[in-house]
N, C-alpha and C. Protein backbone atom coordinates (compact mmCIF):
# COMPACT_ATOMS: atom_id res chain seq x y z
N MET A 1 -33.43 -47.41 -34.72
CA MET A 1 -31.98 -47.31 -34.89
C MET A 1 -31.26 -48.03 -33.81
N ALA A 2 -30.20 -48.85 -34.25
CA ALA A 2 -29.33 -49.61 -33.28
C ALA A 2 -28.54 -48.69 -32.53
N GLN A 3 -28.47 -49.28 -31.17
CA GLN A 3 -27.63 -48.61 -30.06
C GLN A 3 -26.20 -48.51 -30.48
N LEU A 4 -25.81 -47.29 -30.58
CA LEU A 4 -24.36 -46.93 -30.96
C LEU A 4 -23.28 -47.28 -29.86
N PHE A 5 -23.66 -47.01 -28.68
CA PHE A 5 -22.70 -47.19 -27.50
C PHE A 5 -23.26 -48.16 -26.53
N HIS A 6 -22.40 -48.91 -25.75
CA HIS A 6 -22.93 -49.83 -24.86
C HIS A 6 -23.34 -49.07 -23.59
N ARG A 7 -24.37 -49.72 -22.82
CA ARG A 7 -24.84 -48.83 -21.66
C ARG A 7 -23.66 -48.47 -20.76
N SER A 8 -22.64 -49.22 -20.73
CA SER A 8 -21.52 -49.04 -19.71
C SER A 8 -20.78 -47.73 -20.19
N ALA A 9 -20.88 -47.33 -21.25
CA ALA A 9 -20.34 -46.01 -21.72
C ALA A 9 -20.76 -44.83 -20.90
N ASN A 10 -22.01 -44.95 -20.39
CA ASN A 10 -22.38 -43.75 -19.42
C ASN A 10 -21.68 -43.70 -18.26
N THR A 11 -21.47 -44.87 -17.55
CA THR A 11 -20.75 -45.23 -16.28
C THR A 11 -19.19 -44.64 -16.61
N ILE A 12 -18.74 -44.99 -17.81
CA ILE A 12 -17.26 -44.74 -18.12
C ILE A 12 -17.27 -43.18 -18.21
N ALA A 13 -18.24 -42.51 -18.88
CA ALA A 13 -18.12 -41.04 -19.09
C ALA A 13 -18.26 -40.18 -17.77
N ARG A 14 -19.16 -40.77 -16.84
CA ARG A 14 -19.06 -40.22 -15.51
C ARG A 14 -17.80 -40.39 -14.63
N ALA A 15 -17.31 -41.51 -14.71
CA ALA A 15 -16.02 -41.76 -14.23
C ALA A 15 -15.01 -40.90 -14.75
N SER A 16 -14.87 -40.68 -16.03
CA SER A 16 -13.88 -39.84 -16.79
C SER A 16 -14.03 -38.36 -16.22
N ILE A 17 -15.32 -38.05 -16.14
CA ILE A 17 -15.52 -36.55 -15.71
C ILE A 17 -15.02 -36.46 -14.25
N LEU A 18 -15.45 -37.40 -13.51
CA LEU A 18 -15.07 -37.29 -12.02
C LEU A 18 -13.51 -37.23 -11.84
N GLY A 19 -12.93 -38.18 -12.70
CA GLY A 19 -11.47 -38.40 -12.45
C GLY A 19 -10.81 -37.25 -12.96
N ALA A 20 -11.23 -36.49 -14.14
CA ALA A 20 -10.46 -35.22 -14.53
C ALA A 20 -10.73 -34.16 -13.58
N VAL A 21 -11.95 -33.99 -12.86
CA VAL A 21 -12.15 -33.02 -11.81
C VAL A 21 -11.09 -33.10 -10.64
N LEU A 22 -11.09 -34.45 -10.19
CA LEU A 22 -10.24 -34.76 -9.17
C LEU A 22 -8.65 -34.45 -9.58
N ALA A 23 -8.32 -34.81 -10.71
CA ALA A 23 -7.02 -34.71 -11.11
C ALA A 23 -6.71 -33.20 -11.13
N LEU A 24 -7.61 -32.29 -11.61
CA LEU A 24 -7.47 -30.88 -11.56
C LEU A 24 -7.33 -30.31 -10.32
N ALA A 25 -8.05 -30.79 -9.31
CA ALA A 25 -8.01 -30.48 -7.96
C ALA A 25 -6.82 -30.72 -7.33
N VAL A 26 -6.41 -32.02 -7.58
CA VAL A 26 -4.93 -32.38 -6.88
C VAL A 26 -3.91 -31.62 -7.49
N THR A 27 -3.89 -31.39 -8.80
CA THR A 27 -2.80 -30.57 -9.40
C THR A 27 -2.78 -29.18 -8.91
N GLY A 28 -4.10 -28.58 -8.93
CA GLY A 28 -4.25 -27.17 -8.18
C GLY A 28 -3.62 -27.14 -6.88
N GLY A 29 -3.99 -28.14 -5.84
CA GLY A 29 -3.64 -28.09 -4.63
C GLY A 29 -2.17 -28.21 -4.36
N MET A 30 -1.37 -29.06 -5.28
CA MET A 30 0.09 -29.22 -5.36
C MET A 30 0.77 -28.03 -5.64
N LEU A 31 0.15 -27.29 -6.76
CA LEU A 31 0.79 -25.97 -7.05
C LEU A 31 0.55 -24.88 -6.02
N TRP A 32 -0.43 -25.00 -5.42
CA TRP A 32 -0.66 -24.03 -4.34
C TRP A 32 0.14 -24.18 -3.11
N ALA A 33 0.44 -25.42 -2.69
CA ALA A 33 1.34 -25.97 -1.80
C ALA A 33 2.74 -25.41 -2.11
N LEU A 34 3.08 -25.79 -3.42
CA LEU A 34 4.48 -25.44 -3.89
C LEU A 34 4.70 -23.86 -3.70
N TYR A 35 3.59 -23.09 -4.06
CA TYR A 35 3.65 -21.67 -4.04
C TYR A 35 3.90 -21.23 -2.77
N ARG A 36 3.43 -21.87 -1.64
CA ARG A 36 3.48 -21.40 -0.41
C ARG A 36 4.80 -21.92 0.47
N SER A 37 5.37 -22.91 -0.36
CA SER A 37 6.39 -23.75 0.32
C SER A 37 7.72 -22.95 0.45
N GLY A 38 8.67 -23.46 1.31
CA GLY A 38 10.02 -22.77 1.40
C GLY A 38 10.69 -22.76 0.07
N TYR A 39 10.39 -23.69 -0.61
CA TYR A 39 11.24 -23.85 -1.87
C TYR A 39 10.81 -22.63 -2.77
N GLN A 40 9.67 -22.09 -2.74
CA GLN A 40 9.30 -20.86 -3.47
C GLN A 40 9.64 -19.57 -2.67
N THR A 41 9.22 -19.62 -1.27
CA THR A 41 9.46 -18.41 -0.63
C THR A 41 10.79 -18.14 0.02
N GLU A 42 11.48 -19.24 0.11
CA GLU A 42 12.91 -19.24 0.54
C GLU A 42 13.03 -18.89 1.97
N VAL A 43 11.96 -19.01 2.84
CA VAL A 43 11.95 -18.80 4.26
C VAL A 43 12.82 -19.76 4.89
N GLY A 44 13.69 -19.28 5.64
CA GLY A 44 14.59 -20.16 6.28
C GLY A 44 15.76 -20.80 5.61
N VAL A 45 15.90 -20.23 4.31
CA VAL A 45 16.99 -20.76 3.59
C VAL A 45 18.35 -19.73 3.62
N PRO A 46 19.27 -20.07 4.19
CA PRO A 46 20.44 -19.20 4.38
C PRO A 46 21.05 -18.77 3.13
N ARG A 47 21.32 -17.41 2.81
CA ARG A 47 21.94 -17.15 1.41
C ARG A 47 23.47 -17.02 1.41
N GLN A 48 24.04 -17.57 0.70
CA GLN A 48 25.47 -17.48 0.48
C GLN A 48 25.94 -15.98 -0.08
N GLN A 49 26.95 -15.59 0.75
CA GLN A 49 27.39 -14.22 0.65
C GLN A 49 28.96 -14.21 0.14
N PRO A 50 29.48 -13.14 -0.55
CA PRO A 50 30.83 -13.20 -0.79
C PRO A 50 31.83 -13.34 0.42
N VAL A 51 31.18 -12.64 1.60
CA VAL A 51 31.84 -12.87 2.92
C VAL A 51 30.74 -13.48 3.73
N PRO A 52 31.03 -14.58 4.51
CA PRO A 52 30.14 -14.99 5.51
C PRO A 52 29.84 -14.24 6.67
N PHE A 53 29.11 -13.24 6.55
CA PHE A 53 28.82 -12.14 7.36
C PHE A 53 27.82 -12.73 8.47
N SER A 54 28.23 -12.58 9.77
CA SER A 54 27.19 -13.29 10.92
C SER A 54 26.67 -12.05 11.68
N HIS A 55 25.35 -11.85 11.54
CA HIS A 55 24.54 -10.85 12.34
C HIS A 55 24.63 -11.36 13.77
N LYS A 56 24.62 -12.79 14.00
CA LYS A 56 24.64 -13.39 15.29
C LYS A 56 25.72 -12.83 16.07
N HIS A 57 27.06 -12.77 15.33
CA HIS A 57 28.19 -12.36 16.04
C HIS A 57 28.22 -10.74 16.26
N HIS A 58 27.86 -10.06 15.08
CA HIS A 58 27.97 -8.49 15.20
C HIS A 58 26.88 -7.97 15.91
N ALA A 59 25.53 -8.23 15.55
CA ALA A 59 24.44 -7.61 16.40
C ALA A 59 24.12 -8.29 17.71
N GLY A 60 24.14 -9.60 17.64
CA GLY A 60 23.92 -10.27 18.98
C GLY A 60 25.10 -10.49 19.81
N GLY A 61 26.29 -11.05 19.44
CA GLY A 61 27.36 -10.89 20.40
C GLY A 61 27.98 -9.52 20.64
N MET A 62 28.23 -8.81 19.67
CA MET A 62 28.91 -7.65 20.01
C MET A 62 27.94 -6.33 20.18
N GLY A 63 26.67 -6.69 19.85
CA GLY A 63 25.77 -5.57 20.08
C GLY A 63 25.71 -4.35 19.41
N ILE A 64 26.25 -4.62 18.22
CA ILE A 64 26.26 -3.50 17.24
C ILE A 64 24.70 -3.04 16.83
N ASP A 65 24.31 -1.85 16.95
CA ASP A 65 23.15 -1.44 16.69
C ASP A 65 22.74 -1.55 15.02
N CYS A 66 21.66 -1.93 14.72
CA CYS A 66 21.13 -2.03 13.26
C CYS A 66 21.68 -0.74 12.53
N ARG A 67 21.41 0.37 13.10
CA ARG A 67 21.58 1.63 12.34
C ARG A 67 23.19 1.98 12.03
N TYR A 68 24.15 1.06 12.57
CA TYR A 68 25.37 1.40 12.42
C TYR A 68 25.89 1.05 10.84
N CYS A 69 25.18 -0.01 10.48
CA CYS A 69 25.49 -0.36 9.19
C CYS A 69 24.29 0.03 8.14
N HIS A 70 23.04 -0.14 8.70
CA HIS A 70 21.95 0.45 7.65
C HIS A 70 21.66 1.60 8.04
N THR A 71 22.46 2.72 7.61
CA THR A 71 22.24 3.93 8.03
C THR A 71 21.23 4.80 7.57
N SER A 72 20.53 4.37 6.47
CA SER A 72 19.47 5.26 5.99
C SER A 72 18.03 4.61 6.39
N VAL A 73 18.01 3.69 7.28
CA VAL A 73 16.77 2.89 7.60
C VAL A 73 15.61 3.79 8.19
N GLU A 74 16.10 4.88 8.91
CA GLU A 74 15.19 5.76 9.51
C GLU A 74 14.62 6.86 8.63
N ASN A 75 15.34 7.19 7.43
CA ASN A 75 14.94 8.35 6.71
C ASN A 75 14.90 8.06 5.30
N SER A 76 14.78 6.86 4.82
CA SER A 76 14.88 6.57 3.39
C SER A 76 14.01 5.20 3.20
N SER A 77 13.56 4.96 2.01
CA SER A 77 12.82 3.78 1.65
C SER A 77 13.79 2.59 1.74
N TYR A 78 15.03 2.74 1.44
CA TYR A 78 16.02 1.79 1.41
C TYR A 78 16.78 1.72 2.75
N ALA A 79 16.93 0.46 3.21
CA ALA A 79 17.72 0.59 4.62
C ALA A 79 19.29 0.75 4.46
N GLY A 80 19.74 0.49 3.32
CA GLY A 80 21.09 0.73 2.98
C GLY A 80 21.98 -0.37 3.48
N LEU A 81 23.06 -0.48 2.61
CA LEU A 81 24.22 -1.59 2.98
C LEU A 81 25.33 -0.74 3.19
N PRO A 82 26.28 -1.11 4.29
CA PRO A 82 27.31 -0.33 4.60
C PRO A 82 28.53 -0.41 3.60
N PRO A 83 29.28 0.65 3.20
CA PRO A 83 30.23 0.62 2.38
C PRO A 83 31.25 -0.01 3.11
N THR A 84 32.48 -0.63 2.14
CA THR A 84 33.52 -1.38 2.64
C THR A 84 34.33 -0.48 3.84
N GLU A 85 34.20 0.79 3.75
CA GLU A 85 34.93 1.64 4.71
C GLU A 85 34.32 1.50 6.16
N THR A 86 33.07 1.02 6.21
CA THR A 86 32.45 0.82 7.56
C THR A 86 33.02 -0.45 8.24
N CYS A 87 33.05 -1.52 7.36
CA CYS A 87 33.67 -2.85 7.65
C CYS A 87 35.15 -2.57 8.11
N MET A 88 35.95 -1.78 7.36
CA MET A 88 37.28 -1.58 7.88
C MET A 88 37.62 -0.81 8.88
N SER A 89 36.56 -0.10 9.34
CA SER A 89 36.80 0.73 10.48
C SER A 89 37.11 0.03 11.71
N CYS A 90 36.67 -1.30 11.76
CA CYS A 90 37.09 -2.22 12.78
C CYS A 90 37.93 -3.22 12.25
N HIS A 91 37.87 -3.77 11.02
CA HIS A 91 38.81 -4.89 10.62
C HIS A 91 40.04 -4.40 9.89
N SER A 92 40.35 -3.12 10.02
CA SER A 92 41.82 -2.63 9.73
C SER A 92 42.62 -3.11 10.96
N LEU A 93 41.88 -3.41 12.16
CA LEU A 93 42.67 -3.58 13.43
C LEU A 93 42.32 -5.04 13.65
N ILE A 94 40.95 -5.48 13.67
CA ILE A 94 40.60 -6.80 14.31
C ILE A 94 40.43 -7.79 13.08
N TRP A 95 41.07 -8.86 13.19
CA TRP A 95 41.03 -9.86 12.04
C TRP A 95 41.62 -9.17 10.85
N ALA A 96 42.54 -8.55 11.02
CA ALA A 96 43.11 -7.68 9.87
C ALA A 96 43.75 -8.67 8.76
N ASP A 97 44.16 -9.87 9.26
CA ASP A 97 44.89 -10.59 8.27
C ASP A 97 44.07 -11.92 8.01
N ALA A 98 42.87 -12.04 8.57
CA ALA A 98 42.15 -13.22 8.25
C ALA A 98 41.63 -13.34 6.72
N PRO A 99 42.08 -14.74 6.47
CA PRO A 99 41.80 -15.11 4.99
C PRO A 99 40.36 -14.78 4.58
N VAL A 100 39.51 -15.22 5.38
CA VAL A 100 37.96 -15.09 5.07
C VAL A 100 37.63 -13.50 4.76
N LEU A 101 38.21 -12.69 5.23
CA LEU A 101 38.02 -11.20 5.14
C LEU A 101 38.78 -10.60 3.92
N GLU A 102 39.42 -11.59 3.12
CA GLU A 102 40.33 -10.75 1.97
C GLU A 102 39.41 -10.35 0.93
N PRO A 103 38.11 -10.68 0.64
CA PRO A 103 37.41 -9.91 -0.24
C PRO A 103 37.14 -8.52 0.22
N VAL A 104 36.78 -8.37 1.64
CA VAL A 104 36.60 -6.93 2.20
C VAL A 104 37.87 -6.08 1.96
N ARG A 105 39.20 -6.68 2.29
CA ARG A 105 40.30 -5.84 2.03
C ARG A 105 40.50 -5.55 0.43
N ALA A 106 40.14 -6.57 -0.38
CA ALA A 106 40.23 -6.30 -1.75
C ALA A 106 39.42 -5.27 -2.14
N SER A 107 38.17 -5.21 -1.69
CA SER A 107 37.16 -4.18 -1.93
C SER A 107 37.74 -2.77 -1.52
N PHE A 108 38.25 -2.66 -0.42
CA PHE A 108 38.79 -1.57 0.10
C PHE A 108 40.00 -0.92 -0.73
N ARG A 109 40.81 -1.85 -1.12
CA ARG A 109 41.97 -1.53 -1.89
C ARG A 109 41.68 -1.01 -3.35
N THR A 110 40.54 -1.53 -3.95
CA THR A 110 40.23 -1.34 -5.42
C THR A 110 38.97 -0.42 -5.43
N GLY A 111 38.53 -0.21 -4.41
CA GLY A 111 37.30 0.69 -4.49
C GLY A 111 36.00 -0.02 -5.05
N GLU A 112 36.27 -1.27 -5.42
CA GLU A 112 34.89 -1.97 -6.05
C GLU A 112 34.22 -2.56 -4.79
N PRO A 113 32.81 -2.12 -4.84
CA PRO A 113 31.92 -2.65 -3.82
C PRO A 113 31.69 -4.13 -3.85
N LEU A 114 31.47 -4.67 -2.59
CA LEU A 114 31.22 -6.08 -2.56
C LEU A 114 29.75 -6.33 -3.11
N GLN A 115 29.54 -7.38 -3.80
CA GLN A 115 28.33 -7.78 -4.44
C GLN A 115 27.65 -8.61 -3.56
N TRP A 116 26.83 -8.03 -2.48
CA TRP A 116 26.19 -8.89 -1.56
C TRP A 116 24.74 -9.52 -2.30
N THR A 117 24.57 -10.67 -1.81
CA THR A 117 23.24 -11.34 -2.38
C THR A 117 22.08 -10.83 -1.61
N ARG A 118 21.07 -10.36 -2.36
CA ARG A 118 19.81 -9.95 -1.80
C ARG A 118 19.14 -11.04 -0.94
N VAL A 119 18.65 -10.82 0.25
CA VAL A 119 17.81 -11.87 1.09
C VAL A 119 16.44 -11.55 0.82
N TYR A 120 16.10 -10.20 0.87
CA TYR A 120 14.73 -9.88 0.71
C TYR A 120 14.69 -9.23 -0.70
N ARG A 121 13.65 -9.56 -1.55
CA ARG A 121 13.59 -8.90 -2.93
C ARG A 121 12.08 -8.84 -3.09
N LEU A 122 11.44 -7.63 -3.18
CA LEU A 122 10.19 -7.46 -3.68
C LEU A 122 9.96 -7.24 -4.95
N PRO A 123 8.97 -7.57 -5.78
CA PRO A 123 8.74 -7.41 -7.28
C PRO A 123 8.87 -5.87 -7.51
N ASP A 124 8.92 -5.49 -8.78
CA ASP A 124 9.26 -4.08 -9.19
C ASP A 124 7.85 -3.23 -8.89
N PHE A 125 6.68 -4.00 -8.97
CA PHE A 125 5.44 -3.40 -8.84
C PHE A 125 5.13 -3.19 -7.42
N VAL A 126 6.02 -3.64 -6.51
CA VAL A 126 5.73 -3.30 -4.98
C VAL A 126 6.59 -2.21 -4.55
N TYR A 127 5.92 -1.16 -3.84
CA TYR A 127 6.61 -0.25 -3.24
C TYR A 127 6.66 -0.32 -1.78
N PHE A 128 7.98 -0.33 -1.09
CA PHE A 128 7.97 -0.41 0.40
C PHE A 128 8.90 0.61 0.91
N ASP A 129 8.63 1.27 2.00
CA ASP A 129 9.44 2.34 2.49
C ASP A 129 9.84 1.90 3.84
N HIS A 130 11.00 1.72 4.15
CA HIS A 130 11.56 1.23 5.49
C HIS A 130 11.28 2.26 6.41
N SER A 131 11.47 3.59 6.05
CA SER A 131 11.37 4.75 7.23
C SER A 131 10.11 4.89 7.54
N ILE A 132 9.12 4.63 6.90
CA ILE A 132 7.70 4.92 7.32
C ILE A 132 7.29 3.79 8.44
N HIS A 133 7.70 2.47 8.03
CA HIS A 133 7.58 1.40 8.99
C HIS A 133 8.27 1.63 10.33
N VAL A 134 9.54 2.02 10.23
CA VAL A 134 10.36 2.30 11.52
C VAL A 134 9.80 3.27 12.11
N ASN A 135 9.43 4.27 11.66
CA ASN A 135 8.73 5.65 12.35
C ASN A 135 7.60 5.43 12.98
N LYS A 136 6.81 4.34 12.44
CA LYS A 136 5.60 4.14 12.86
C LYS A 136 5.50 2.94 14.09
N GLY A 137 6.75 2.45 14.42
CA GLY A 137 6.85 1.61 15.62
C GLY A 137 6.74 0.21 14.92
N VAL A 138 7.16 -0.13 13.88
CA VAL A 138 7.24 -1.54 13.40
C VAL A 138 8.85 -2.08 13.48
N GLY A 139 8.99 -2.86 14.51
CA GLY A 139 10.44 -3.49 14.84
C GLY A 139 11.18 -4.19 13.71
N CYS A 140 12.51 -4.15 13.65
CA CYS A 140 13.14 -4.70 12.69
C CYS A 140 12.85 -6.34 12.73
N SER A 141 12.64 -6.94 13.93
CA SER A 141 12.46 -8.13 14.12
C SER A 141 11.06 -8.74 13.72
N THR A 142 10.18 -7.77 13.51
CA THR A 142 8.81 -8.06 13.23
C THR A 142 8.87 -8.58 11.73
N CYS A 143 9.67 -8.12 10.94
CA CYS A 143 9.75 -8.57 9.69
C CYS A 143 11.00 -9.30 9.24
N HIS A 144 12.21 -9.03 9.74
CA HIS A 144 13.31 -9.87 9.49
C HIS A 144 13.59 -10.97 10.45
N GLY A 145 12.70 -11.14 11.57
CA GLY A 145 13.02 -12.06 12.47
C GLY A 145 14.24 -11.79 13.42
N ARG A 146 14.68 -12.65 14.25
CA ARG A 146 15.76 -12.59 15.17
C ARG A 146 17.09 -12.47 14.46
N VAL A 147 17.30 -11.49 13.77
CA VAL A 147 18.52 -11.51 13.01
C VAL A 147 19.91 -11.62 13.89
N ASP A 148 19.56 -11.19 15.13
CA ASP A 148 20.84 -11.18 16.01
C ASP A 148 21.07 -12.67 16.39
N GLN A 149 20.31 -13.62 15.91
CA GLN A 149 20.64 -15.13 16.14
C GLN A 149 20.80 -15.79 14.89
N MET A 150 21.07 -14.97 13.68
CA MET A 150 21.45 -15.78 12.51
C MET A 150 22.90 -15.69 12.30
N PRO A 151 23.60 -16.79 12.19
CA PRO A 151 25.17 -16.87 11.70
C PRO A 151 25.18 -16.49 10.26
N LEU A 152 24.16 -16.94 9.46
CA LEU A 152 24.06 -16.48 8.10
C LEU A 152 22.72 -15.89 7.88
N THR A 153 22.36 -14.95 7.12
CA THR A 153 21.11 -14.23 7.13
C THR A 153 20.25 -15.17 6.24
N TRP A 154 18.92 -15.44 6.63
CA TRP A 154 17.88 -15.85 5.71
C TRP A 154 16.53 -15.15 5.94
N ARG A 155 15.76 -15.48 5.02
CA ARG A 155 14.44 -14.85 5.16
C ARG A 155 13.60 -15.44 6.15
N ALA A 156 12.83 -14.62 6.90
CA ALA A 156 12.24 -14.94 8.14
C ALA A 156 10.72 -14.97 7.86
N ASN A 157 10.29 -14.23 6.82
CA ASN A 157 8.92 -14.21 6.51
C ASN A 157 8.67 -14.28 4.83
N THR A 158 7.51 -14.81 4.44
CA THR A 158 7.37 -15.07 3.20
C THR A 158 7.31 -13.79 2.24
N LEU A 159 6.89 -12.70 2.68
CA LEU A 159 6.66 -11.48 1.88
C LEU A 159 5.45 -11.44 0.82
N LEU A 160 4.59 -12.73 1.38
CA LEU A 160 3.35 -12.66 0.53
C LEU A 160 2.30 -11.52 0.95
N MET A 161 1.49 -11.10 -0.13
CA MET A 161 0.72 -9.92 0.12
C MET A 161 -0.27 -10.28 1.50
N GLU A 162 -0.72 -11.32 1.60
CA GLU A 162 -1.48 -11.74 2.77
C GLU A 162 -0.79 -11.34 4.02
N TRP A 163 0.49 -11.75 4.05
CA TRP A 163 1.45 -11.46 5.26
C TRP A 163 1.41 -9.92 5.54
N CYS A 164 1.64 -9.10 4.47
CA CYS A 164 1.65 -7.67 4.69
C CYS A 164 0.37 -7.27 5.36
N LEU A 165 -0.70 -7.81 4.60
CA LEU A 165 -2.07 -7.25 4.87
C LEU A 165 -2.39 -7.59 6.38
N GLU A 166 -1.90 -8.62 6.77
CA GLU A 166 -2.26 -8.92 8.36
C GLU A 166 -1.86 -7.87 9.23
N CYS A 167 -0.79 -7.26 9.12
CA CYS A 167 -0.40 -6.06 9.84
C CYS A 167 -0.98 -4.76 9.48
N HIS A 168 -1.30 -4.51 8.23
CA HIS A 168 -1.94 -3.40 7.66
C HIS A 168 -3.41 -3.37 8.09
N ARG A 169 -4.07 -4.54 8.33
CA ARG A 169 -5.49 -4.54 8.72
C ARG A 169 -5.47 -4.51 10.22
N GLN A 170 -4.46 -4.88 10.98
CA GLN A 170 -4.58 -4.96 12.37
C GLN A 170 -3.22 -4.40 13.13
N PRO A 171 -2.79 -3.22 12.75
CA PRO A 171 -1.44 -2.76 13.27
C PRO A 171 -1.33 -2.77 14.81
N GLU A 172 -2.38 -2.77 15.33
CA GLU A 172 -2.33 -2.66 17.02
C GLU A 172 -1.75 -3.85 17.57
N HIS A 173 -1.75 -5.10 16.79
CA HIS A 173 -1.21 -6.35 17.05
C HIS A 173 0.31 -6.44 17.05
N PHE A 174 0.97 -5.40 16.43
CA PHE A 174 2.30 -5.58 15.83
C PHE A 174 3.14 -4.36 16.27
N VAL A 175 2.68 -3.20 16.46
CA VAL A 175 3.52 -2.13 16.66
C VAL A 175 4.13 -2.00 18.18
N ARG A 176 5.16 -1.26 18.29
CA ARG A 176 5.87 -1.10 19.48
C ARG A 176 6.20 0.20 19.65
N PRO A 177 6.62 0.76 20.94
CA PRO A 177 7.14 2.05 21.05
C PRO A 177 8.30 2.17 20.24
N ARG A 178 8.51 3.36 19.71
CA ARG A 178 9.58 3.72 18.86
C ARG A 178 10.95 3.41 19.36
N GLU A 179 11.01 3.62 20.68
CA GLU A 179 12.45 3.38 21.31
C GLU A 179 12.80 1.90 21.31
N TYR A 180 11.95 1.05 21.01
CA TYR A 180 12.18 -0.40 21.03
C TYR A 180 12.31 -1.05 19.59
N VAL A 181 12.12 -0.13 18.67
CA VAL A 181 12.03 -0.64 17.32
C VAL A 181 13.44 -1.41 16.88
N PHE A 182 14.37 -1.07 17.41
CA PHE A 182 15.72 -1.78 17.01
C PHE A 182 16.22 -2.72 18.04
N GLN A 183 15.32 -2.90 18.94
CA GLN A 183 15.77 -3.96 19.95
C GLN A 183 15.21 -5.32 19.63
N MET A 184 16.24 -6.30 19.41
CA MET A 184 15.87 -7.41 18.85
C MET A 184 15.15 -8.45 19.75
N ASP A 185 15.39 -8.36 21.06
CA ASP A 185 14.84 -9.33 21.93
C ASP A 185 13.54 -8.82 22.61
N TRP A 186 12.98 -7.53 21.96
CA TRP A 186 11.69 -7.07 22.56
C TRP A 186 10.58 -8.13 22.35
N ASN A 187 9.83 -8.34 23.38
CA ASN A 187 8.58 -9.17 23.40
C ASN A 187 7.33 -8.28 23.61
N PRO A 188 6.25 -8.64 22.93
CA PRO A 188 5.07 -8.11 23.10
C PRO A 188 4.78 -8.22 24.69
N PRO A 189 4.12 -7.22 25.30
CA PRO A 189 3.56 -7.20 26.68
C PRO A 189 2.27 -8.12 26.79
N ALA A 190 1.77 -8.30 27.80
CA ALA A 190 0.55 -9.12 27.97
C ALA A 190 -0.58 -8.16 27.63
N ASP A 191 -0.38 -6.87 27.66
CA ASP A 191 -1.52 -6.06 27.19
C ASP A 191 -1.25 -5.38 25.79
N GLN A 192 -0.52 -6.04 25.00
CA GLN A 192 -0.16 -5.67 23.59
C GLN A 192 -1.30 -4.97 22.97
N LEU A 193 -2.67 -5.53 23.00
CA LEU A 193 -3.72 -4.96 22.28
C LEU A 193 -4.03 -3.37 22.97
N SER A 194 -3.98 -3.49 24.01
CA SER A 194 -4.20 -2.12 24.75
C SER A 194 -3.03 -1.08 24.35
N LEU A 195 -1.78 -1.69 24.51
CA LEU A 195 -0.50 -0.84 24.02
C LEU A 195 -0.67 -0.47 22.49
N GLY A 196 -1.00 -1.38 21.82
CA GLY A 196 -0.94 -1.19 20.37
C GLY A 196 -2.07 -0.22 19.88
N ARG A 197 -3.19 -0.30 20.52
CA ARG A 197 -4.20 0.67 20.35
C ARG A 197 -3.93 2.12 20.52
N ARG A 198 -3.29 2.35 21.73
CA ARG A 198 -2.58 3.38 22.06
C ARG A 198 -1.67 4.13 21.19
N LEU A 199 -0.73 3.21 20.66
CA LEU A 199 0.35 3.67 19.86
C LEU A 199 -0.23 4.06 18.48
N VAL A 200 -1.33 3.38 17.95
CA VAL A 200 -1.87 3.60 16.88
C VAL A 200 -2.44 4.93 16.63
N ALA A 201 -3.01 5.40 17.81
CA ALA A 201 -3.55 6.74 17.84
C ALA A 201 -2.51 7.95 18.07
N GLN A 202 -1.48 7.46 18.82
CA GLN A 202 -0.43 8.40 19.09
C GLN A 202 0.52 8.65 17.78
N TYR A 203 0.74 7.55 17.16
CA TYR A 203 1.68 7.66 15.93
C TYR A 203 0.91 7.88 14.73
N ASN A 204 -0.53 8.09 14.75
CA ASN A 204 -1.49 8.25 13.70
C ASN A 204 -1.28 7.36 12.51
N ILE A 205 -1.36 6.05 13.02
CA ILE A 205 -1.25 4.91 12.15
C ILE A 205 -2.57 4.64 11.59
N ARG A 206 -2.60 4.66 10.08
CA ARG A 206 -3.81 4.27 9.31
C ARG A 206 -3.86 2.91 8.90
N LYS A 207 -4.93 2.32 8.75
CA LYS A 207 -5.09 0.96 8.21
C LYS A 207 -5.18 1.00 6.78
N LEU A 208 -3.96 1.01 6.14
CA LEU A 208 -3.83 1.17 4.78
C LEU A 208 -3.89 -0.14 3.95
N THR A 209 -5.08 -0.29 3.33
CA THR A 209 -5.31 -1.58 2.51
C THR A 209 -5.75 -1.35 1.25
N ASP A 210 -5.68 -0.16 0.64
CA ASP A 210 -5.81 0.14 -0.74
C ASP A 210 -4.82 -0.45 -1.62
N CYS A 211 -5.37 -0.80 -2.75
CA CYS A 211 -4.11 -1.43 -3.70
C CYS A 211 -3.03 -0.34 -4.01
N TYR A 212 -3.26 0.88 -4.20
CA TYR A 212 -2.44 1.84 -4.60
C TYR A 212 -1.31 2.26 -3.37
N THR A 213 -1.62 1.87 -2.10
CA THR A 213 -0.63 2.01 -1.19
C THR A 213 0.71 1.42 -1.50
N CYS A 214 0.51 0.28 -2.02
CA CYS A 214 1.87 -0.58 -2.35
C CYS A 214 2.08 -0.67 -3.79
N HIS A 215 1.03 -0.77 -4.51
CA HIS A 215 1.29 -0.95 -5.98
C HIS A 215 1.10 0.37 -6.64
N ARG A 216 2.28 0.82 -7.07
CA ARG A 216 2.18 2.33 -7.70
C ARG A 216 2.85 2.14 -9.02
């Protein structure tokens, strides 16, 4: 029987298969890089708000404690957002006529709450409790970054599962004494590992890595 294909067909077939494998690998790598990029995770991207609230001014410059606005952070899964009345407790006297604060005054007059843009949003299938973390010695800045240096708020960490598991697997590297949880400029000491191990035992911190811990 006469040969149907030229001998070069073998080379072409091998090259085609190799090219397809390389194309798949490159495409997969690009998608993986996009998945972890700031475009997807929004790390470092300031979020526009109805009022350009500055944590740098309020928490950093004025030294207002996180709990003044986020009142439920120590006893609830949700940290809470301040009602307009909290804002007006100061701004009825300070910058009372500033145009930039008109949305706040309008909210106070009408009773309609301000529609803040969420900076951190977890999927519906992920359970997170602020109070547990706060009471186990996880500082605000550990997850939210140096909010006291942010003129507009942005996401400081990816919220990817591997990021959460890094702490859940080795909490001794991240926990701090409870009295410093809300101190933004707290820095881990040179003996953090020793301190962390002691706090893990003292606060009865368990290394929770089972799926059902967060996925309920």
